[in-house]
PDB file of N, CA and C in Angstrom:
ATOM      1  N   UNK A   1       9.668  19.829 -21.788  1.00  0.00           N
ATOM      2  CA  UNK A   1       8.891  20.227 -20.751  1.00  0.00           C
ATOM      3  C   UNK A   1       9.956  21.200 -20.205  1.00  0.00           C
ATOM      4  N   UNK A   2       9.373  22.481 -19.435  1.00  0.00           N
ATOM      5  CA  UNK A   2      10.238  23.417 -18.983  1.00  0.00           C
ATOM      6  C   UNK A   2      10.344  22.783 -16.963  1.00  0.00           C
ATOM      7  N   UNK A   3      10.949  23.694 -16.534  1.00  0.00           N
ATOM      8  CA  UNK A   3      10.729  23.149 -15.126  1.00  0.00           C
ATOM      9  C   UNK A   3       9.846  23.509 -14.579  1.00  0.00           C
ATOM     10  N   UNK A   4       9.101  24.557 -14.511  1.00  0.00           N
ATOM     11  CA  UNK A   4       8.206  24.281 -13.952  1.00  0.00           C
ATOM     12  C   UNK A   4       6.680  23.272 -14.351  1.00  0.00           C
ATOM     13  N   UNK A   5       6.853  23.117 -15.330  1.00  0.00           N
ATOM     14  CA  UNK A   5       6.058  21.991 -15.672  1.00  0.00           C
ATOM     15  C   UNK A   5       6.340  20.720 -15.214  1.00  0.00           C
ATOM     16  N   UNK A   6       7.584  20.419 -15.422  1.00  0.00           N
ATOM     17  CA  UNK A   6       8.069  19.517 -14.148  1.00  0.00           C
ATOM     18  C   UNK A   6       8.013  18.916 -12.871  1.00  0.00           C
ATOM     19  N   UNK A   7       8.202  20.309 -12.564  1.00  0.00           N
ATOM     20  CA  UNK A   7       7.760  20.356 -10.834  1.00  0.00           C
ATOM     21  C   UNK A   7       6.064  20.121 -10.354  1.00  0.00           C
ATOM     22  N   UNK A   8       5.319  20.715 -11.474  1.00  0.00           N
ATOM     23  CA  UNK A   8       4.167  20.525 -11.651  1.00  0.00           C
ATOM     24  C   UNK A   8       3.301  18.978 -11.785  1.00  0.00           C
ATOM     25  N   UNK A   9       4.056  18.361 -12.934  1.00  0.00           N
ATOM     26  CA  UNK A   9       4.063  17.212 -13.264  1.00  0.00           C
ATOM     27  C   UNK A   9       4.289  16.369 -11.504  1.00  0.00           C
ATOM     28  N   UNK A  10       5.343  16.498 -11.236  1.00  0.00           N
ATOM     29  CA  UNK A  10       5.790  15.851  -9.857  1.00  0.00           C
ATOM     30  C   UNK A  10       4.670  16.398  -8.697  1.00  0.00           C
ATOM     31  N   UNK A  11       4.198  17.255  -8.396  1.00  0.00           N
ATOM     32  CA  UNK A  11       3.185  17.668  -7.469  1.00  0.00           C
ATOM     33  C   UNK A  11       1.820  17.127  -7.657  1.00  0.00           C
ATOM     34  N   UNK A  12       1.374  17.187  -9.090  1.00  0.00           N
ATOM     35  CA  UNK A  12       0.169  16.462  -9.412  1.00  0.00           C
ATOM     36  C   UNK A  12       0.396  14.782  -8.988  1.00  0.00           C
ATOM     37  N   UNK A  13       1.589  14.134  -9.105  1.00  0.00           N
ATOM     38  CA  UNK A  13       1.952  12.556  -8.906  1.00  0.00           C
ATOM     39  C   UNK A  13       1.779  12.330  -7.651  1.00  0.00           C
ATOM     40  N   UNK A  14       2.319  13.491  -6.791  1.00  0.00           N
ATOM     41  CA  UNK A  14       2.481  13.697  -5.204  1.00  0.00           C
ATOM     42  C   UNK A  14       1.409  13.257  -4.928  1.00  0.00           C
ATOM     43  N   UNK A  15       0.350  14.289  -5.088  1.00  0.00           N
ATOM     44  CA  UNK A  15      -1.260  14.344  -4.925  1.00  0.00           C
ATOM     45  C   UNK A  15      -1.975  12.884  -5.055  1.00  0.00           C
ATOM     46  N   UNK A  16      -1.778  12.511  -6.442  1.00  0.00           N
ATOM     47  CA  UNK A  16      -2.437  11.540  -6.580  1.00  0.00           C
ATOM     48  C   UNK A  16      -2.138  10.602  -5.688  1.00  0.00           C
ATOM     49  N   UNK A  17      -0.485  10.017  -5.149  1.00  0.00           N
ATOM     50  CA  UNK A  17      -0.034   8.728  -4.617  1.00  0.00           C
ATOM     51  C   UNK A  17      -0.921   9.048  -3.020  1.00  0.00           C
ATOM     52  N   UNK A  18      -0.849  10.506  -2.984  1.00  0.00           N
ATOM     53  CA  UNK A  18      -0.896  10.430  -1.581  1.00  0.00           C
ATOM     54  C   UNK A  18      -2.615   9.875  -1.202  1.00  0.00           C
ATOM     55  N   UNK A  19      -3.409  10.583  -2.273  1.00  0.00           N
ATOM     56  CA  UNK A  19      -5.146   9.886  -2.173  1.00  0.00           C
ATOM     57  C   UNK A  19      -5.119   8.403  -2.512  1.00  0.00           C
ATOM     58  N   UNK A  20      -4.307   7.764  -3.285  1.00  0.00           N
ATOM     59  CA  UNK A  20      -3.795   6.428  -3.465  1.00  0.00           C
ATOM     60  C   UNK A  20      -3.855   5.506  -2.238  1.00  0.00           C
ATOM     61  N   UNK A  21      -2.780   6.513  -1.420  1.00  0.00           N
ATOM     62  CA  UNK A  21      -2.518   5.996  -0.115  1.00  0.00           C
ATOM     63  C   UNK A  21      -3.409   5.854   0.770  1.00  0.00           C
ATOM     64  N   UNK A  22      -3.986   7.125   1.001  1.00  0.00           N
ATOM     65  CA  UNK A  22      -5.256   6.769   2.137  1.00  0.00           C
ATOM     66  C   UNK A  22      -6.232   6.095   1.772  1.00  0.00           C
ATOM     67  N   UNK A  23      -6.492   5.933   0.407  1.00  0.00           N
ATOM     68  CA  UNK A  23      -7.465   4.735  -0.322  1.00  0.00           C
ATOM     69  C   UNK A  23      -7.092   3.169   0.406  1.00  0.00           C
ATOM     70  N   UNK A  24      -5.807   2.949  -0.162  1.00  0.00           N
ATOM     71  CA  UNK A  24      -4.976   1.896   0.351  1.00  0.00           C
ATOM     72  C   UNK A  24      -5.608   1.565   1.930  1.00  0.00           C
ATOM     73  N   UNK A  25      -5.041   2.337   2.704  1.00  0.00           N
ATOM     74  CA  UNK A  25      -5.309   2.550   4.115  1.00  0.00           C
ATOM     75  C   UNK A  25      -6.381   2.507   4.509  1.00  0.00           C
ATOM     76  N   UNK A  26      -7.154   2.696   4.047  1.00  0.00           N
ATOM     77  CA  UNK A  26      -8.632   2.696   4.457  1.00  0.00           C
ATOM     78  C   UNK A  26      -9.027   1.150   4.176  1.00  0.00           C
ATOM     79  N   UNK A  27      -8.577   0.928   2.855  1.00  0.00           N
ATOM     80  CA  UNK A  27      -9.380  -0.299   2.572  1.00  0.00           C
ATOM     81  C   UNK A  27      -8.629  -1.430   3.645  1.00  0.00           C
ATOM     82  N   UNK A  28      -7.568  -1.177   4.084  1.00  0.00           N
ATOM     83  CA  UNK A  28      -6.626  -2.140   5.195  1.00  0.00           C
ATOM     84  C   UNK A  28      -7.429  -1.782   6.462  1.00  0.00           C
ATOM     85  N   UNK A  29      -7.663  -1.140   6.839  1.00  0.00           N
ATOM     86  CA  UNK A  29      -8.407  -0.879   8.335  1.00  0.00           C
ATOM     87  C   UNK A  29     -10.028  -1.588   8.088  1.00  0.00           C
ATOM     88  N   UNK A  30     -10.667  -1.421   6.668  1.00  0.00           N
ATOM     89  CA  UNK A  30     -11.653  -2.451   6.881  1.00  0.00           C
ATOM     90  C   UNK A  30     -11.353  -4.012   6.917  1.00  0.00           C
ATOM     91  N   UNK A  31     -10.199  -3.915   6.151  1.00  0.00           N
ATOM     92  CA  UNK A  31     -10.006  -5.609   6.431  1.00  0.00           C
ATOM     93  C   UNK A  31      -9.834  -6.075   7.737  1.00  0.00           C
ATOM     94  N   UNK A  32      -9.181  -5.370   8.306  1.00  0.00           N
ATOM     95  CA  UNK A  32      -8.706  -5.406   9.499  1.00  0.00           C
ATOM     96  C   UNK A  32     -10.055  -5.566  10.814  1.00  0.00           C
ATOM     97  N   UNK A  33     -10.994  -4.690  10.379  1.00  0.00           N
ATOM     98  CA  UNK A  33     -12.505  -4.823  10.888  1.00  0.00           C
ATOM     99  C   UNK A  33     -12.889  -6.179  10.700  1.00  0.00           C
ATOM    100  N   UNK A  34     -12.773  -6.234   9.280  1.00  0.00           N
ATOM    101  CA  UNK A  34     -13.445  -7.886   8.997  1.00  0.00           C
ATOM    102  C   UNK A  34     -12.937  -8.824   9.783  1.00  0.00           C
ATOM    103  N   UNK A  35     -11.626  -9.125   9.875  1.00  0.00           N
ATOM    104  CA  UNK A  35     -11.275  -9.994  10.341  1.00  0.00           C
ATOM    105  C   UNK A  35     -11.733 -10.501  11.415  1.00  0.00           C
ATOM    106  N   UNK A  36     -11.418  -9.673  12.245  1.00  0.00           N
ATOM    107  CA  UNK A  36     -11.757  -9.001  14.162  1.00  0.00           C
ATOM    108  C   UNK A  36     -13.470  -9.561  13.872  1.00  0.00           C
ATOM    109  N   UNK A  37     -14.257  -9.090  13.076  1.00  0.00           N
ATOM    110  CA  UNK A  37     -15.434  -9.545  13.361  1.00  0.00           C
ATOM    111  C   UNK A  37     -16.082 -10.756  12.938  1.00  0.00           C
ATOM    112  N   UNK A  38     -15.394 -11.347  11.760  1.00  0.00           N
ATOM    113  CA  UNK A  38     -15.502 -12.602  11.511  1.00  0.00           C
ATOM    114  C   UNK A  38     -14.103 -13.715  12.005  1.00  0.00           C
ATOM    115  N   UNK A  39     -13.559 -13.418  12.760  1.00  0.00           N
ATOM    116  CA  UNK A  39     -12.800 -14.515  13.174  1.00  0.00           C
ATOM    117  C   UNK A  39     -11.854 -14.892  12.485  1.00  0.00           C
ATOM    118  N   UNK A  40     -11.166 -14.147  11.588  1.00  0.00           N
ATOM    119  CA  UNK A  40     -10.246 -14.783  10.468  1.00  0.00           C
ATOM    120  C   UNK A  40      -9.348 -14.152  10.149  1.00  0.00           C
ATOM    121  N   UNK A  41      -8.333 -14.194   9.968  1.00  0.00           N
ATOM    122  CA  UNK A  41      -6.670 -13.655   9.325  1.00  0.00           C
ATOM    123  C   UNK A  41      -6.779 -12.795   8.262  1.00  0.00           C
ATOM    124  N   UNK A  42      -7.519 -11.871   7.931  1.00  0.00           N
ATOM    125  CA  UNK A  42      -7.886 -11.398   6.698  1.00  0.00           C
ATOM    126  C   UNK A  42      -6.614 -10.995   6.251  1.00  0.00           C
ATOM    127  N   UNK A  43      -5.319 -10.927   6.289  1.00  0.00           N
ATOM    128  CA  UNK A  43      -4.209 -10.792   5.624  1.00  0.00           C
ATOM    129  C   UNK A  43      -3.579 -12.221   5.252  1.00  0.00           C
ATOM    130  N   UNK A  44      -2.568 -11.733   4.268  1.00  0.00           N
ATOM    131  CA  UNK A  44      -1.750 -13.293   3.749  1.00  0.00           C
ATOM    132  C   UNK A  44      -0.647 -12.801   3.009  1.00  0.00           C
ATOM    133  N   UNK A  45       0.527 -13.211   3.805  1.00  0.00           N
ATOM    134  CA  UNK A  45       1.827 -12.779   3.222  1.00  0.00           C
ATOM    135  C   UNK A  45       2.124 -13.434   2.280  1.00  0.00           C
ATOM    136  N   UNK A  46       1.151 -14.745   1.657  1.00  0.00           N
ATOM    137  CA  UNK A  46       1.418 -15.291   0.696  1.00  0.00           C
ATOM    138  C   UNK A  46       0.368 -14.407  -0.545  1.00  0.00           C
ATOM    139  N   UNK A  47      -0.195 -13.937  -0.131  1.00  0.00           N
ATOM    140  CA  UNK A  47      -0.914 -13.557  -1.232  1.00  0.00           C
ATOM    141  C   UNK A  47       0.023 -11.949  -1.393  1.00  0.00           C
ATOM    142  N   UNK A  48       0.575 -11.085  -0.819  1.00  0.00           N
ATOM    143  CA  UNK A  48       1.052  -9.906  -0.853  1.00  0.00           C
ATOM    144  C   UNK A  48       2.423 -10.495  -1.759  1.00  0.00           C
ATOM    145  N   UNK A  49       2.920 -11.563  -1.180  1.00  0.00           N
ATOM    146  CA  UNK A  49       4.074 -11.811  -2.497  1.00  0.00           C
ATOM    147  C   UNK A  49       3.335 -12.186  -3.783  1.00  0.00           C
ATOM    148  N   UNK A  50       2.769 -12.596  -3.853  1.00  0.00           N
ATOM    149  CA  UNK A  50       1.979 -12.716  -5.507  1.00  0.00           C
ATOM    150  C   UNK A  50       1.630 -11.657  -5.694  1.00  0.00           C
ATOM    151  N   UNK A  51       0.899 -10.335  -5.484  1.00  0.00           N
ATOM    152  CA  UNK A  51       0.729  -9.298  -5.898  1.00  0.00           C
ATOM    153  C   UNK A  51       2.017  -8.420  -5.978  1.00  0.00           C
ATOM    154  N   UNK A  52       3.140  -8.352  -4.915  1.00  0.00           N
ATOM    155  CA  UNK A  52       4.250  -7.478  -5.434  1.00  0.00           C
ATOM    156  C   UNK A  52       4.963  -8.553  -7.070  1.00  0.00           C
ATOM    157  N   UNK A  53       5.093  -9.513  -6.811  1.00  0.00           N
ATOM    158  CA  UNK A  53       5.414 -10.518  -7.847  1.00  0.00           C
ATOM    159  C   UNK A  53       4.651  -9.862  -9.420  1.00  0.00           C
ATOM    160  N   UNK A  54       3.361  -9.573  -8.970  1.00  0.00           N
ATOM    161  CA  UNK A  54       2.617  -9.147 -10.436  1.00  0.00           C
ATOM    162  C   UNK A  54       3.098  -7.885 -10.754  1.00  0.00           C
ATOM    163  N   UNK A  55       2.837  -7.172  -9.605  1.00  0.00           N
ATOM    164  CA  UNK A  55       3.336  -5.511  -9.593  1.00  0.00           C
ATOM    165  C   UNK A  55       4.780  -5.235 -10.539  1.00  0.00           C
ATOM    166  N   UNK A  56       5.645  -6.535  -9.843  1.00  0.00           N
ATOM    167  CA  UNK A  56       7.181  -6.036 -10.387  1.00  0.00           C
ATOM    168  C   UNK A  56       7.338  -6.696 -11.939  1.00  0.00           C
ATOM    169  N   UNK A  57       6.306  -7.572 -12.197  1.00  0.00           N
ATOM    170  CA  UNK A  57       6.289  -8.214 -13.471  1.00  0.00           C
ATOM    171  C   UNK A  57       6.059  -7.124 -14.571  1.00  0.00           C
ATOM    172  N   UNK A  58       5.065  -6.474 -14.227  1.00  0.00           N
ATOM    173  CA  UNK A  58       4.357  -5.208 -15.083  1.00  0.00           C
ATOM    174  C   UNK A  58       5.265  -3.958 -14.869  1.00  0.00           C
ATOM    175  N   UNK A  59       6.207  -4.057 -14.419  1.00  0.00           N
ATOM    176  CA  UNK A  59       7.419  -2.368 -13.981  1.00  0.00           C
ATOM    177  C   UNK A  59       8.527  -2.594 -14.969  1.00  0.00           C
ATOM    178  N   UNK A  60       8.939  -1.608 -15.476  1.00  0.00           N
ATOM    179  CA  UNK A  60      10.627  -1.833 -16.047  1.00  0.00           C
ATOM    180  C   UNK A  60      11.662  -2.477 -15.324  1.00  0.00           C
ATOM    181  N   UNK A  61      12.360  -2.847 -16.025  1.00  0.00           N
ATOM    182  CA  UNK A  61      13.412  -3.350 -15.053  1.00  0.00           C
ATOM    183  C   UNK A  61      14.216  -2.397 -14.457  1.00  0.00           C
ATOM    184  N   UNK A  62      15.034  -1.269 -14.640  1.00  0.00           N
ATOM    185  CA  UNK A  62      15.029   0.072 -14.295  1.00  0.00           C
ATOM    186  C   UNK A  62      14.529   0.439 -13.314  1.00  0.00           C
ATOM    187  N   UNK A  63      13.458  -0.100 -13.151  1.00  0.00           N
ATOM    188  CA  UNK A  63      12.271   0.540 -11.803  1.00  0.00           C
ATOM    189  C   UNK A  63      11.654  -0.363 -10.711  1.00  0.00           C
ATOM    190  N   UNK A  64      12.478  -1.817 -11.191  1.00  0.00           N
ATOM    191  CA  UNK A  64      11.930  -3.138 -10.018  1.00  0.00           C
ATOM    192  C   UNK A  64      12.620  -2.564  -8.690  1.00  0.00           C
ATOM    193  N   UNK A  65      13.669  -2.147  -9.021  1.00  0.00           N
ATOM    194  CA  UNK A  65      14.319  -2.353  -7.179  1.00  0.00           C
ATOM    195  C   UNK A  65      13.544  -1.177  -6.379  1.00  0.00           C
ATOM    196  N   UNK A  66      13.158  -0.017  -7.384  1.00  0.00           N
ATOM    197  CA  UNK A  66      12.597   1.160  -6.237  1.00  0.00           C
ATOM    198  C   UNK A  66      10.805   0.526  -6.367  1.00  0.00           C
ATOM    199  N   UNK A  67      10.389   0.227  -7.095  1.00  0.00           N
ATOM    200  CA  UNK A  67       9.084  -0.317  -6.920  1.00  0.00           C
ATOM    201  C   UNK A  67       9.021  -1.829  -5.992  1.00  0.00           C
ATOM    202  N   UNK A  68      10.035  -2.444  -5.906  1.00  0.00           N
ATOM    203  CA  UNK A  68      10.031  -3.351  -4.897  1.00  0.00           C
ATOM    204  C   UNK A  68       9.956  -2.924  -3.506  1.00  0.00           C
ATOM    205  N   UNK A  69      11.025  -1.998  -3.268  1.00  0.00           N
ATOM    206  CA  UNK A  69      11.152  -1.256  -2.298  1.00  0.00           C
ATOM    207  C   UNK A  69       9.885  -0.497  -1.395  1.00  0.00           C
ATOM    208  N   UNK A  70       9.144   0.093  -2.417  1.00  0.00           N
ATOM    209  CA  UNK A  70       8.115   1.240  -2.378  1.00  0.00           C
ATOM    210  C   UNK A  70       6.711   0.442  -1.920  1.00  0.00           C
ATOM    211  N   UNK A  71       6.376  -0.915  -2.479  1.00  0.00           N
ATOM    212  CA  UNK A  71       5.187  -1.894  -2.837  1.00  0.00           C
ATOM    213  C   UNK A  71       5.912  -2.446  -1.327  1.00  0.00           C
ATOM    214  N   UNK A  72       6.846  -3.178  -0.640  1.00  0.00           N
ATOM    215  CA  UNK A  72       7.526  -3.704   0.455  1.00  0.00           C
ATOM    216  C   UNK A  72       6.903  -2.746   1.718  1.00  0.00           C
ATOM    217  N   UNK A  73       7.285  -0.970   2.026  1.00  0.00           N
ATOM    218  CA  UNK A  73       7.085  -0.638   2.647  1.00  0.00           C
ATOM    219  C   UNK A  73       5.894  -0.102   2.810  1.00  0.00           C
ATOM    220  N   UNK A  74       5.065  -0.323   1.701  1.00  0.00           N
ATOM    221  CA  UNK A  74       3.547  -0.013   1.999  1.00  0.00           C
ATOM    222  C   UNK A  74       2.819  -1.009   2.262  1.00  0.00           C
ATOM    223  N   UNK A  75       3.471  -2.613   2.390  1.00  0.00           N
ATOM    224  CA  UNK A  75       2.675  -3.906   2.952  1.00  0.00           C
ATOM    225  C   UNK A  75       3.224  -3.220   4.713  1.00  0.00           C
ATOM    226  N   UNK A  76       4.436  -3.220   4.674  1.00  0.00           N
ATOM    227  CA  UNK A  76       4.490  -2.882   6.038  1.00  0.00           C
ATOM    228  C   UNK A  76       3.684  -1.953   6.866  1.00  0.00           C
ATOM    229  N   UNK A  77       3.449  -0.699   6.291  1.00  0.00           N
ATOM    230  CA  UNK A  77       2.932   0.191   6.808  1.00  0.00           C
ATOM    231  C   UNK A  77       1.147  -0.220   6.950  1.00  0.00           C
ATOM    232  N   UNK A  78       0.575  -0.719   6.382  1.00  0.00           N
ATOM    233  CA  UNK A  78      -0.483  -1.648   5.807  1.00  0.00           C
ATOM    234  C   UNK A  78      -0.856  -2.330   7.321  1.00  0.00           C
ATOM    235  N   UNK A  79       0.003  -3.226   7.376  1.00  0.00           N
ATOM    236  CA  UNK A  79       0.460  -4.061   8.526  1.00  0.00           C
ATOM    237  C   UNK A  79       0.246  -3.317   9.727  1.00  0.00           C
ATOM    238  N   UNK A  80       1.346  -2.948   9.903  1.00  0.00           N
ATOM    239  CA  UNK A  80       1.035  -1.961  10.951  1.00  0.00           C
ATOM    240  C   UNK A  80      -0.133  -1.274  11.587  1.00  0.00           C
ATOM    241  N   UNK A  81      -0.741  -0.487  10.604  1.00  0.00           N
ATOM    242  CA  UNK A  81      -2.190   0.094  10.724  1.00  0.00           C
ATOM    243  C   UNK A  81      -2.960  -1.054  11.043  1.00  0.00           C
ATOM    244  N   UNK A  82      -3.566  -2.149  10.474  1.00  0.00           N
ATOM    245  CA  UNK A  82      -3.863  -3.313  10.748  1.00  0.00           C
ATOM    246  C   UNK A  82      -3.809  -3.654  11.748  1.00  0.00           C
ATOM    247  N   UNK A  83      -2.685  -3.944  12.365  1.00  0.00           N
ATOM    248  CA  UNK A  83      -2.069  -4.341  14.128  1.00  0.00           C
ATOM    249  C   UNK A  83      -2.911  -3.294  15.128  1.00  0.00           C
ATOM    250  N   UNK A  84      -2.767  -2.274  14.885  1.00  0.00           N
ATOM    251  CA  UNK A  84      -3.252  -0.983  15.501  1.00  0.00           C
ATOM    252  C   UNK A  84      -4.794  -0.946  15.681  1.00  0.00           C
ATOM    253  N   UNK A  85      -5.592  -1.474  14.385  1.00  0.00           N
ATOM    254  CA  UNK A  85      -6.752  -1.025  14.594  1.00  0.00           C
ATOM    255  C   UNK A  85      -7.344  -2.518  15.398  1.00  0.00           C
ATOM    256  N   UNK A  86      -6.569  -3.365  14.838  1.00  0.00           N
ATOM    257  CA  UNK A  86      -6.756  -4.626  15.474  1.00  0.00           C
ATOM    258  C   UNK A  86      -7.169  -4.721  16.854  1.00  0.00           C
ATOM    259  N   UNK A  87      -5.879  -4.042  17.754  1.00  0.00           N
ATOM    260  CA  UNK A  87      -5.598  -3.823  18.716  1.00  0.00           C
ATOM    261  C   UNK A  87      -6.914  -2.677  19.530  1.00  0.00           C
ATOM    262  N   UNK A  88      -7.035  -1.806  18.806  1.00  0.00           N
ATOM    263  CA  UNK A  88      -8.425  -0.978  19.379  1.00  0.00           C
ATOM    264  C   UNK A  88      -9.214  -1.902  19.963  1.00  0.00           C
ATOM    265  N   UNK A  89      -9.883  -2.440  18.666  1.00  0.00           N
ATOM    266  CA  UNK A  89     -10.993  -3.134  18.445  1.00  0.00           C
ATOM    267  C   UNK A  89     -10.968  -4.229  19.904  1.00  0.00           C
ATOM    268  N   UNK A  90      -9.928  -4.992  20.110  1.00  0.00           N
ATOM    269  CA  UNK A  90      -9.773  -5.760  21.387  1.00  0.00           C
ATOM    270  C   UNK A  90      -9.775  -5.066  22.482  1.00  0.00           C
ATOM    271  N   UNK A  91      -9.638  -3.934  22.732  1.00  0.00           N
ATOM    272  CA  UNK A  91     -10.152  -3.013  23.722  1.00  0.00           C
ATOM    273  C   UNK A  91     -11.325  -2.957  24.547  1.00  0.00           C
TER     274      UNK A  91
END
């Protein structure tokens, strides 16, 4: 591949990741709203651990540390966003 092709491929990947992130966070928002409306805790760290473990098992070993950091950051951002949604609903 030539440099321009590689850069184009990275750009496409970034756009895909951005859309996936938006979809993920919108689902996290819906999860927070569901929890408030139904009086349940809609998120669980045990569930996150299971999902992380499954993702890491399906990731090549040389990428696992990066995938782990990526997913843990995603979980952290999702928790902060859900908390913000819950706080807004409580007001």
